[in-house]
Amino acid sequence: MGSMAFILIAATVLMGYYCSIEAGATPDNLQVINLGGKVMCQDCTKSYGEWVRGTQPIKGCKVSVTCMDDRNRVMYYGSDETDEQGKFNMAVNKYINGKVLQAKSCLVRLVSSPHPTCNIPTNFAGGHTGVNLPIRPAVVYRDLVQYELGTFFYTTPRCDKPKPDSPDSCHGNNNY
């Protein structure tokens, strides 16, 4: 009987925690917002199977986060470099100059790649134009609020789509 009461109490506590996560509740006393993701190289010159499953992580890619205030001014800018697995992880202070940073106003994007051939940013998962942080964090646990972004991709110059007005374009000057 005692173990049954313990199980009911534990389930009640866990349901309360789960419901607070579902409602998007984050503890107000947290000082840092964490965000992370991955950067990979995707080479379009490979066969379809290799192109889809043959991505490689890029070490040393620069990824930035820019957060705006309610008047659309830059409130915070920071960047991080990827590790050997292509992962980046940034910690952003929640309070900047006495103002609360709103995670929904932060944009994460690709900045640069040190790879000699895989250095053209793509917009798969929004890496080139940037993506806003999700509405709800992926992890809310004790002193941790973690936003997980998708995988951003770079590609080779050969895979880059030419601009419509460039001489390399099929619709540009036809100087044969």
N, C-alpha and C. Protein backbone atom coordinates (compact mmCIF):
# COMPACT_ATOMS: atom_id res chain seq x y z
N MET A 1 0.82 -1.19 0.00
CA MET A 1 0.00 0.00 0.00
C MET A 1 0.86 1.25 0.00
N GLY A 2 2.00 1.21 0.76
CA GLY A 2 2.90 2.36 0.82
C GLY A 2 3.55 2.65 -0.52
N SER A 3 3.88 1.59 -1.25
CA SER A 3 4.50 1.80 -2.56
C SER A 3 3.50 2.37 -3.56
N MET A 4 2.23 2.00 -3.41
CA MET A 4 1.20 2.54 -4.30
C MET A 4 1.03 4.03 -4.06
N ALA A 5 1.07 4.47 -2.82
CA ALA A 5 0.96 5.89 -2.49
C ALA A 5 2.15 6.65 -3.06
N PHE A 6 3.34 6.05 -2.95
CA PHE A 6 4.55 6.68 -3.49
C PHE A 6 4.44 6.86 -5.01
N ILE A 7 3.94 5.85 -5.69
CA ILE A 7 3.78 5.91 -7.14
C ILE A 7 2.79 6.99 -7.53
N LEU A 8 1.67 7.10 -6.79
CA LEU A 8 0.68 8.14 -7.08
C LEU A 8 1.26 9.54 -6.87
N ILE A 9 2.02 9.72 -5.81
CA ILE A 9 2.64 11.03 -5.54
C ILE A 9 3.65 11.36 -6.64
N ALA A 10 4.49 10.39 -7.01
CA ALA A 10 5.49 10.61 -8.06
C ALA A 10 4.82 10.95 -9.39
N ALA A 11 3.74 10.25 -9.71
CA ALA A 11 3.03 10.51 -10.97
C ALA A 11 2.42 11.91 -10.97
N THR A 12 1.89 12.34 -9.82
CA THR A 12 1.32 13.68 -9.71
C THR A 12 2.37 14.75 -9.93
N VAL A 13 3.52 14.56 -9.32
CA VAL A 13 4.62 15.52 -9.48
C VAL A 13 5.07 15.57 -10.93
N LEU A 14 5.25 14.41 -11.56
CA LEU A 14 5.69 14.37 -12.96
C LEU A 14 4.65 14.99 -13.89
N MET A 15 3.38 14.75 -13.65
CA MET A 15 2.34 15.35 -14.49
C MET A 15 2.35 16.87 -14.36
N GLY A 16 2.56 17.37 -13.17
CA GLY A 16 2.65 18.82 -12.98
C GLY A 16 3.82 19.40 -13.74
N TYR A 17 4.96 18.71 -13.72
CA TYR A 17 6.14 19.16 -14.46
C TYR A 17 5.87 19.10 -15.96
N TYR A 18 5.26 17.99 -16.43
CA TYR A 18 4.98 17.82 -17.84
C TYR A 18 4.01 18.90 -18.33
N CYS A 19 2.97 19.18 -17.55
CA CYS A 19 2.00 20.20 -17.94
C CYS A 19 2.63 21.58 -18.01
N SER A 20 3.57 21.89 -17.13
CA SER A 20 4.21 23.21 -17.19
C SER A 20 5.08 23.33 -18.43
N ILE A 21 5.67 22.23 -18.88
CA ILE A 21 6.46 22.27 -20.11
C ILE A 21 5.53 22.45 -21.30
N GLU A 22 4.42 21.71 -21.33
CA GLU A 22 3.48 21.81 -22.44
C GLU A 22 2.91 23.21 -22.55
N ALA A 23 2.70 23.88 -21.45
CA ALA A 23 2.14 25.22 -21.48
C ALA A 23 3.18 26.25 -21.89
N GLY A 24 4.42 25.82 -22.06
CA GLY A 24 5.48 26.75 -22.46
C GLY A 24 6.04 27.51 -21.29
N ALA A 25 5.75 27.07 -20.09
CA ALA A 25 6.22 27.78 -18.90
C ALA A 25 7.71 27.55 -18.72
N THR A 26 8.42 28.61 -18.47
CA THR A 26 9.83 28.52 -18.15
C THR A 26 10.05 29.25 -16.84
N PRO A 27 10.92 28.74 -16.01
CA PRO A 27 11.17 29.41 -14.73
C PRO A 27 11.67 30.83 -14.95
N ASP A 28 11.08 31.78 -14.24
CA ASP A 28 11.44 33.19 -14.40
C ASP A 28 12.80 33.53 -13.84
N ASN A 29 13.31 32.72 -12.93
CA ASN A 29 14.57 33.05 -12.29
C ASN A 29 15.79 32.59 -13.09
N LEU A 30 15.60 31.94 -14.24
CA LEU A 30 16.73 31.50 -15.03
C LEU A 30 17.42 32.70 -15.67
N GLN A 31 18.73 32.68 -15.66
CA GLN A 31 19.52 33.80 -16.17
C GLN A 31 20.02 33.58 -17.60
N VAL A 32 20.01 32.33 -18.07
CA VAL A 32 20.63 32.00 -19.36
C VAL A 32 19.67 31.19 -20.22
N ILE A 33 19.67 31.48 -21.51
CA ILE A 33 18.95 30.70 -22.50
C ILE A 33 20.02 30.00 -23.34
N ASN A 34 19.91 28.69 -23.49
CA ASN A 34 20.86 27.91 -24.30
C ASN A 34 20.22 27.56 -25.63
N LEU A 35 21.00 27.60 -26.67
CA LEU A 35 20.52 27.17 -27.97
C LEU A 35 21.60 26.39 -28.68
N GLY A 36 21.18 25.38 -29.42
CA GLY A 36 22.15 24.52 -30.08
C GLY A 36 21.62 23.95 -31.37
N GLY A 37 22.52 23.42 -32.15
CA GLY A 37 22.17 22.82 -33.43
C GLY A 37 23.39 22.20 -34.06
N LYS A 38 23.31 21.97 -35.36
CA LYS A 38 24.38 21.27 -36.07
C LYS A 38 24.57 21.90 -37.45
N VAL A 39 25.80 21.82 -37.96
CA VAL A 39 26.11 22.30 -39.32
C VAL A 39 26.80 21.17 -40.07
N MET A 40 26.28 20.88 -41.26
CA MET A 40 26.79 19.78 -42.07
C MET A 40 27.09 20.24 -43.50
N CYS A 41 27.92 19.46 -44.18
CA CYS A 41 28.22 19.68 -45.60
C CYS A 41 27.40 18.69 -46.41
N GLN A 42 26.71 19.22 -47.43
CA GLN A 42 25.90 18.38 -48.30
C GLN A 42 26.35 18.65 -49.74
N ASP A 43 26.91 17.63 -50.38
CA ASP A 43 27.48 17.78 -51.71
C ASP A 43 26.50 17.25 -52.76
N CYS A 44 26.00 18.15 -53.61
CA CYS A 44 24.99 17.76 -54.61
C CYS A 44 25.60 16.99 -55.78
N THR A 45 26.91 16.92 -55.88
CA THR A 45 27.52 16.21 -56.99
C THR A 45 27.52 14.70 -56.77
N LYS A 46 27.14 14.26 -55.59
CA LYS A 46 27.08 12.83 -55.27
C LYS A 46 25.76 12.25 -55.78
N SER A 47 25.68 10.94 -55.77
CA SER A 47 24.41 10.29 -56.14
C SER A 47 23.36 10.66 -55.09
N TYR A 48 22.09 10.40 -55.42
CA TYR A 48 21.02 10.83 -54.54
C TYR A 48 21.16 10.23 -53.14
N GLY A 49 21.46 8.95 -53.05
CA GLY A 49 21.62 8.29 -51.75
C GLY A 49 22.75 8.90 -50.94
N GLU A 50 23.88 9.16 -51.59
CA GLU A 50 25.01 9.79 -50.89
C GLU A 50 24.68 11.24 -50.53
N TRP A 51 23.94 11.92 -51.39
CA TRP A 51 23.58 13.31 -51.14
C TRP A 51 22.69 13.42 -49.91
N VAL A 52 21.72 12.51 -49.80
CA VAL A 52 20.78 12.56 -48.69
C VAL A 52 21.41 12.07 -47.39
N ARG A 53 22.11 10.93 -47.44
CA ARG A 53 22.64 10.33 -46.23
C ARG A 53 24.14 10.57 -46.03
N GLY A 54 24.80 11.16 -46.99
CA GLY A 54 26.25 11.30 -46.92
C GLY A 54 26.74 12.64 -46.43
N THR A 55 25.97 13.32 -45.60
CA THR A 55 26.41 14.61 -45.09
C THR A 55 27.55 14.43 -44.10
N GLN A 56 28.43 15.41 -44.07
CA GLN A 56 29.58 15.37 -43.17
C GLN A 56 29.57 16.60 -42.28
N PRO A 57 29.89 16.45 -40.99
CA PRO A 57 29.96 17.63 -40.12
C PRO A 57 31.13 18.52 -40.51
N ILE A 58 30.99 19.80 -40.29
CA ILE A 58 32.06 20.75 -40.58
C ILE A 58 32.52 21.38 -39.26
N LYS A 59 33.78 21.20 -38.95
CA LYS A 59 34.36 21.79 -37.74
C LYS A 59 34.76 23.24 -38.03
N GLY A 60 34.45 24.15 -37.11
CA GLY A 60 34.89 25.53 -37.22
C GLY A 60 33.94 26.47 -37.94
N CYS A 61 32.73 26.00 -38.28
CA CYS A 61 31.74 26.90 -38.89
C CYS A 61 31.29 27.91 -37.85
N LYS A 62 31.06 29.12 -38.31
CA LYS A 62 30.58 30.16 -37.42
C LYS A 62 29.08 30.31 -37.59
N VAL A 63 28.36 30.27 -36.46
CA VAL A 63 26.91 30.43 -36.42
C VAL A 63 26.63 31.60 -35.49
N SER A 64 25.69 32.48 -35.88
CA SER A 64 25.42 33.65 -35.04
C SER A 64 23.98 33.68 -34.56
N VAL A 65 23.76 34.42 -33.48
CA VAL A 65 22.42 34.69 -32.98
C VAL A 65 22.29 36.20 -32.80
N THR A 66 21.20 36.75 -33.31
CA THR A 66 20.91 38.17 -33.17
C THR A 66 19.53 38.29 -32.54
N CYS A 67 19.45 39.00 -31.42
CA CYS A 67 18.17 39.18 -30.72
C CYS A 67 17.78 40.65 -30.78
N MET A 68 16.53 40.91 -31.09
CA MET A 68 16.02 42.27 -31.23
C MET A 68 15.16 42.62 -30.02
N ASP A 69 15.06 43.92 -29.74
CA ASP A 69 14.17 44.37 -28.67
C ASP A 69 12.79 44.67 -29.27
N ASP A 70 11.88 45.20 -28.46
CA ASP A 70 10.52 45.45 -28.92
C ASP A 70 10.43 46.58 -29.94
N ARG A 71 11.51 47.37 -30.10
CA ARG A 71 11.52 48.45 -31.10
C ARG A 71 12.34 48.05 -32.33
N ASN A 72 12.60 46.76 -32.45
CA ASN A 72 13.33 46.18 -33.58
C ASN A 72 14.77 46.67 -33.69
N ARG A 73 15.40 46.89 -32.55
CA ARG A 73 16.82 47.24 -32.49
C ARG A 73 17.59 46.04 -31.96
N VAL A 74 18.84 45.91 -32.38
CA VAL A 74 19.66 44.79 -31.92
C VAL A 74 19.91 44.93 -30.42
N MET A 75 19.51 43.91 -29.71
CA MET A 75 19.68 43.87 -28.26
C MET A 75 20.87 43.00 -27.88
N TYR A 76 21.11 41.96 -28.69
CA TYR A 76 22.21 41.04 -28.42
C TYR A 76 22.70 40.43 -29.73
N TYR A 77 24.02 40.27 -29.83
CA TYR A 77 24.62 39.54 -30.95
C TYR A 77 25.72 38.66 -30.38
N GLY A 78 25.74 37.42 -30.79
CA GLY A 78 26.78 36.50 -30.36
C GLY A 78 26.99 35.43 -31.42
N SER A 79 28.10 34.72 -31.30
CA SER A 79 28.38 33.66 -32.26
C SER A 79 29.14 32.52 -31.59
N ASP A 80 29.17 31.40 -32.27
CA ASP A 80 29.87 30.22 -31.78
C ASP A 80 30.41 29.46 -32.98
N GLU A 81 31.45 28.67 -32.73
CA GLU A 81 32.00 27.81 -33.78
C GLU A 81 31.64 26.37 -33.48
N THR A 82 31.46 25.60 -34.54
CA THR A 82 31.08 24.20 -34.39
C THR A 82 32.27 23.35 -33.97
N ASP A 83 31.98 22.24 -33.30
CA ASP A 83 33.02 21.30 -32.88
C ASP A 83 33.23 20.23 -33.95
N GLU A 84 33.95 19.16 -33.62
CA GLU A 84 34.28 18.09 -34.58
C GLU A 84 33.03 17.42 -35.15
N GLN A 85 31.94 17.38 -34.38
CA GLN A 85 30.71 16.76 -34.85
C GLN A 85 29.79 17.76 -35.54
N GLY A 86 30.26 18.98 -35.73
CA GLY A 86 29.46 20.01 -36.39
C GLY A 86 28.43 20.66 -35.47
N LYS A 87 28.55 20.44 -34.16
CA LYS A 87 27.57 20.97 -33.21
C LYS A 87 28.00 22.32 -32.67
N PHE A 88 27.02 23.19 -32.47
CA PHE A 88 27.27 24.47 -31.80
C PHE A 88 26.33 24.57 -30.62
N ASN A 89 26.74 25.33 -29.62
CA ASN A 89 25.93 25.52 -28.42
C ASN A 89 26.25 26.90 -27.88
N MET A 90 25.24 27.76 -27.80
CA MET A 90 25.44 29.12 -27.31
C MET A 90 24.60 29.35 -26.06
N ALA A 91 25.15 30.12 -25.15
CA ALA A 91 24.42 30.54 -23.95
C ALA A 91 24.23 32.04 -24.05
N VAL A 92 22.98 32.48 -23.94
CA VAL A 92 22.63 33.89 -24.07
C VAL A 92 22.03 34.35 -22.74
N ASN A 93 22.54 35.44 -22.21
CA ASN A 93 21.97 35.99 -20.98
C ASN A 93 20.53 36.41 -21.23
N LYS A 94 19.66 36.07 -20.30
CA LYS A 94 18.24 36.40 -20.44
C LYS A 94 17.97 37.87 -20.14
N TYR A 95 18.84 38.48 -19.35
CA TYR A 95 18.68 39.89 -18.99
C TYR A 95 19.85 40.68 -19.55
N ILE A 96 19.55 41.66 -20.40
CA ILE A 96 20.58 42.48 -21.01
C ILE A 96 20.25 43.94 -20.73
N ASN A 97 21.17 44.61 -20.06
CA ASN A 97 20.98 46.02 -19.67
C ASN A 97 19.65 46.23 -18.94
N GLY A 98 19.29 45.28 -18.09
CA GLY A 98 18.08 45.39 -17.30
C GLY A 98 16.80 45.02 -18.01
N LYS A 99 16.88 44.66 -19.28
CA LYS A 99 15.69 44.28 -20.04
C LYS A 99 15.68 42.77 -20.25
N VAL A 100 14.47 42.21 -20.30
CA VAL A 100 14.31 40.78 -20.50
C VAL A 100 14.39 40.47 -22.00
N LEU A 101 15.25 39.54 -22.34
CA LEU A 101 15.40 39.10 -23.73
C LEU A 101 14.26 38.15 -24.06
N GLN A 102 13.55 38.41 -25.13
CA GLN A 102 12.48 37.53 -25.58
C GLN A 102 13.05 36.55 -26.59
N ALA A 103 13.03 35.27 -26.27
CA ALA A 103 13.63 34.25 -27.14
C ALA A 103 13.01 34.26 -28.54
N LYS A 104 11.73 34.58 -28.65
CA LYS A 104 11.07 34.58 -29.96
C LYS A 104 11.62 35.67 -30.90
N SER A 105 12.35 36.64 -30.34
CA SER A 105 12.90 37.71 -31.17
C SER A 105 14.36 37.45 -31.58
N CYS A 106 14.84 36.23 -31.35
CA CYS A 106 16.22 35.88 -31.70
C CYS A 106 16.26 35.12 -33.02
N LEU A 107 17.22 35.49 -33.88
CA LEU A 107 17.40 34.87 -35.19
C LEU A 107 18.78 34.21 -35.23
N VAL A 108 18.82 32.94 -35.61
CA VAL A 108 20.07 32.18 -35.71
C VAL A 108 20.33 31.90 -37.18
N ARG A 109 21.60 32.13 -37.60
CA ARG A 109 21.93 31.90 -39.01
C ARG A 109 23.39 31.51 -39.18
N LEU A 110 23.69 30.99 -40.36
CA LEU A 110 25.07 30.64 -40.72
C LEU A 110 25.84 31.91 -41.04
N VAL A 111 27.13 31.93 -40.65
CA VAL A 111 27.98 33.09 -40.95
C VAL A 111 29.09 32.70 -41.91
N SER A 112 29.88 31.66 -41.56
CA SER A 112 31.00 31.29 -42.41
C SER A 112 31.40 29.84 -42.20
N SER A 113 32.08 29.29 -43.21
CA SER A 113 32.58 27.92 -43.16
C SER A 113 34.07 27.93 -43.51
N PRO A 114 34.90 27.24 -42.73
CA PRO A 114 36.32 27.18 -43.04
C PRO A 114 36.66 26.09 -44.06
N HIS A 115 35.68 25.29 -44.44
CA HIS A 115 35.92 24.18 -45.36
C HIS A 115 36.33 24.74 -46.72
N PRO A 116 37.38 24.20 -47.35
CA PRO A 116 37.87 24.76 -48.61
C PRO A 116 36.88 24.66 -49.77
N THR A 117 36.05 23.62 -49.80
CA THR A 117 35.10 23.49 -50.91
C THR A 117 33.64 23.55 -50.49
N CYS A 118 33.33 23.24 -49.26
CA CYS A 118 31.94 23.24 -48.79
C CYS A 118 31.70 24.50 -47.98
N ASN A 119 31.49 25.62 -48.70
CA ASN A 119 31.41 26.91 -48.02
C ASN A 119 30.31 27.82 -48.55
N ILE A 120 29.34 27.26 -49.26
CA ILE A 120 28.20 28.02 -49.77
C ILE A 120 27.00 27.70 -48.85
N PRO A 121 26.49 28.70 -48.12
CA PRO A 121 25.36 28.40 -47.22
C PRO A 121 24.08 28.11 -48.00
N THR A 122 23.36 27.09 -47.59
CA THR A 122 22.08 26.77 -48.21
C THR A 122 20.97 27.28 -47.30
N ASN A 123 19.77 27.23 -47.81
CA ASN A 123 18.65 27.64 -46.98
C ASN A 123 17.84 26.43 -46.49
N PHE A 124 18.43 25.22 -46.61
CA PHE A 124 17.78 24.06 -45.99
C PHE A 124 17.74 24.35 -44.50
N ALA A 125 16.60 24.24 -43.91
CA ALA A 125 16.36 24.52 -42.48
C ALA A 125 16.58 26.00 -42.15
N GLY A 126 16.69 26.86 -43.15
CA GLY A 126 16.75 28.30 -42.92
C GLY A 126 18.10 28.84 -42.51
N GLY A 127 19.17 28.11 -42.69
CA GLY A 127 20.48 28.55 -42.24
C GLY A 127 20.99 29.80 -42.91
N HIS A 128 20.69 30.00 -44.19
CA HIS A 128 21.19 31.17 -44.91
C HIS A 128 20.44 32.45 -44.53
N THR A 129 19.12 32.40 -44.52
CA THR A 129 18.33 33.59 -44.18
C THR A 129 18.15 33.74 -42.68
N GLY A 130 18.25 32.64 -41.95
CA GLY A 130 18.10 32.66 -40.50
C GLY A 130 16.76 32.11 -40.05
N VAL A 131 16.74 31.57 -38.85
CA VAL A 131 15.51 31.05 -38.26
C VAL A 131 15.34 31.61 -36.86
N ASN A 132 14.09 31.86 -36.51
CA ASN A 132 13.79 32.28 -35.15
C ASN A 132 13.80 31.08 -34.23
N LEU A 133 14.06 31.32 -32.96
CA LEU A 133 14.00 30.23 -31.99
C LEU A 133 12.58 29.70 -31.92
N PRO A 134 12.42 28.41 -31.68
CA PRO A 134 11.07 27.86 -31.56
C PRO A 134 10.31 28.52 -30.41
N ILE A 135 8.98 28.43 -30.47
CA ILE A 135 8.15 29.02 -29.42
C ILE A 135 8.42 28.36 -28.08
N ARG A 136 8.54 27.05 -28.11
CA ARG A 136 8.80 26.30 -26.88
C ARG A 136 10.21 25.73 -26.89
N PRO A 137 10.89 25.79 -25.75
CA PRO A 137 12.21 25.17 -25.69
C PRO A 137 12.09 23.65 -25.73
N ALA A 138 13.14 22.98 -26.19
CA ALA A 138 13.14 21.52 -26.25
C ALA A 138 13.33 20.92 -24.87
N VAL A 139 14.09 21.60 -24.01
CA VAL A 139 14.36 21.10 -22.66
C VAL A 139 14.13 22.22 -21.65
N VAL A 140 13.36 21.91 -20.63
CA VAL A 140 13.20 22.79 -19.48
C VAL A 140 13.39 21.90 -18.26
N TYR A 141 14.52 22.04 -17.61
CA TYR A 141 14.81 21.19 -16.46
C TYR A 141 15.67 21.95 -15.48
N ARG A 142 15.18 22.12 -14.29
CA ARG A 142 15.87 22.83 -13.21
C ARG A 142 16.43 24.16 -13.70
N ASP A 143 17.76 24.25 -13.83
CA ASP A 143 18.40 25.51 -14.22
C ASP A 143 18.72 25.56 -15.71
N LEU A 144 18.01 24.79 -16.53
CA LEU A 144 18.35 24.71 -17.94
C LEU A 144 17.12 24.97 -18.82
N VAL A 145 17.27 25.91 -19.75
CA VAL A 145 16.30 26.11 -20.82
C VAL A 145 17.10 25.97 -22.11
N GLN A 146 16.79 24.94 -22.92
CA GLN A 146 17.56 24.63 -24.12
C GLN A 146 16.65 24.65 -25.33
N TYR A 147 16.99 25.47 -26.33
CA TYR A 147 16.30 25.50 -27.61
C TYR A 147 17.13 24.70 -28.60
N GLU A 148 16.51 23.76 -29.29
CA GLU A 148 17.21 22.97 -30.30
C GLU A 148 16.75 23.41 -31.68
N LEU A 149 17.71 23.73 -32.51
CA LEU A 149 17.43 24.11 -33.89
C LEU A 149 17.71 22.92 -34.79
N GLY A 150 17.24 22.97 -36.00
CA GLY A 150 17.50 21.90 -36.95
C GLY A 150 18.95 21.93 -37.42
N THR A 151 19.24 21.10 -38.39
CA THR A 151 20.58 21.04 -38.96
C THR A 151 20.68 22.04 -40.11
N PHE A 152 21.72 22.86 -40.07
CA PHE A 152 22.00 23.80 -41.15
C PHE A 152 23.00 23.15 -42.10
N PHE A 153 22.97 23.57 -43.38
CA PHE A 153 23.83 22.94 -44.37
C PHE A 153 24.61 23.96 -45.20
N TYR A 154 25.84 23.58 -45.51
CA TYR A 154 26.64 24.24 -46.53
C TYR A 154 26.75 23.29 -47.70
N THR A 155 27.06 23.83 -48.88
CA THR A 155 27.26 22.99 -50.05
C THR A 155 28.46 23.51 -50.83
N THR A 156 28.78 22.84 -51.92
CA THR A 156 29.95 23.21 -52.73
C THR A 156 29.55 24.28 -53.75
N PRO A 157 30.50 25.06 -54.27
CA PRO A 157 30.17 26.09 -55.26
C PRO A 157 29.50 25.52 -56.51
N ARG A 158 29.84 24.30 -56.86
CA ARG A 158 29.25 23.67 -58.04
C ARG A 158 27.74 23.47 -57.86
N CYS A 159 27.29 23.33 -56.62
CA CYS A 159 25.87 23.10 -56.34
C CYS A 159 25.10 24.40 -56.18
N ASP A 160 25.80 25.52 -56.12
CA ASP A 160 25.14 26.80 -55.91
C ASP A 160 24.33 27.17 -57.14
N LYS A 161 23.10 27.61 -56.93
CA LYS A 161 22.23 28.02 -58.03
C LYS A 161 22.68 29.40 -58.53
N PRO A 162 22.94 29.57 -59.83
CA PRO A 162 23.38 30.88 -60.33
C PRO A 162 22.26 31.92 -60.23
N LYS A 163 22.66 33.16 -60.08
CA LYS A 163 21.70 34.26 -60.03
C LYS A 163 21.12 34.48 -61.42
N PRO A 164 19.86 34.89 -61.54
CA PRO A 164 19.21 35.02 -62.85
C PRO A 164 19.92 35.97 -63.82
N ASP A 165 20.57 37.01 -63.33
CA ASP A 165 21.20 37.98 -64.23
C ASP A 165 22.68 37.72 -64.47
N SER A 166 23.21 36.61 -63.95
CA SER A 166 24.63 36.35 -64.11
C SER A 166 24.91 35.72 -65.48
N PRO A 167 26.12 35.90 -66.01
CA PRO A 167 26.46 35.32 -67.32
C PRO A 167 26.41 33.80 -67.31
N ASP A 168 26.56 33.17 -66.12
CA ASP A 168 26.53 31.72 -66.04
C ASP A 168 25.10 31.17 -66.10
N SER A 169 24.14 32.04 -66.00
CA SER A 169 22.74 31.64 -65.97
C SER A 169 22.26 31.28 -67.36
N CYS A 170 21.35 30.36 -67.45
CA CYS A 170 20.76 29.98 -68.74
C CYS A 170 19.92 31.12 -69.31
N HIS A 171 19.43 32.02 -68.45
CA HIS A 171 18.57 33.09 -68.90
C HIS A 171 19.32 34.40 -69.08
N GLY A 172 20.60 34.41 -68.82
CA GLY A 172 21.40 35.64 -68.94
C GLY A 172 21.85 35.83 -70.37
N ASN A 173 23.00 36.47 -70.55
CA ASN A 173 23.54 36.69 -71.89
C ASN A 173 23.94 35.36 -72.50
N ASN A 174 23.56 35.13 -73.72
CA ASN A 174 23.92 33.90 -74.40
C ASN A 174 25.08 34.16 -75.35
N ASN A 175 26.25 34.37 -74.80
CA ASN A 175 27.43 34.62 -75.61
C ASN A 175 28.13 33.28 -75.86
N TYR A 176 27.77 32.64 -76.94
CA TYR A 176 28.37 31.34 -77.25
C TYR A 176 29.55 31.49 -78.15
